[in-house]
């Protein structure tokens, strides 16, 4: 009975350690480097765009070109 209890305790401990390791790995995702300071409230405002649209203008995005080689999951689309 004691061996069965220690087996379950060890298994639970491994699962807890794996969960903690996974949480640390996920928490480490993001940008590398120091924190950025907040913007200076006394800084001069940014100049306006000459076209007058501000941030509403559309960015120039190149068209998407299909690859020449087949993908291994293409059979699902046919």
Foldseek 3Di string as FASTA:
>chain_A
DVVVVVVVVVVVVVVVVVVVVVVVVVVPDDDDDDDDDDDDPPDDDDDADPVPPGPPDDDDDDDDDDDPDDDPCVVVVD
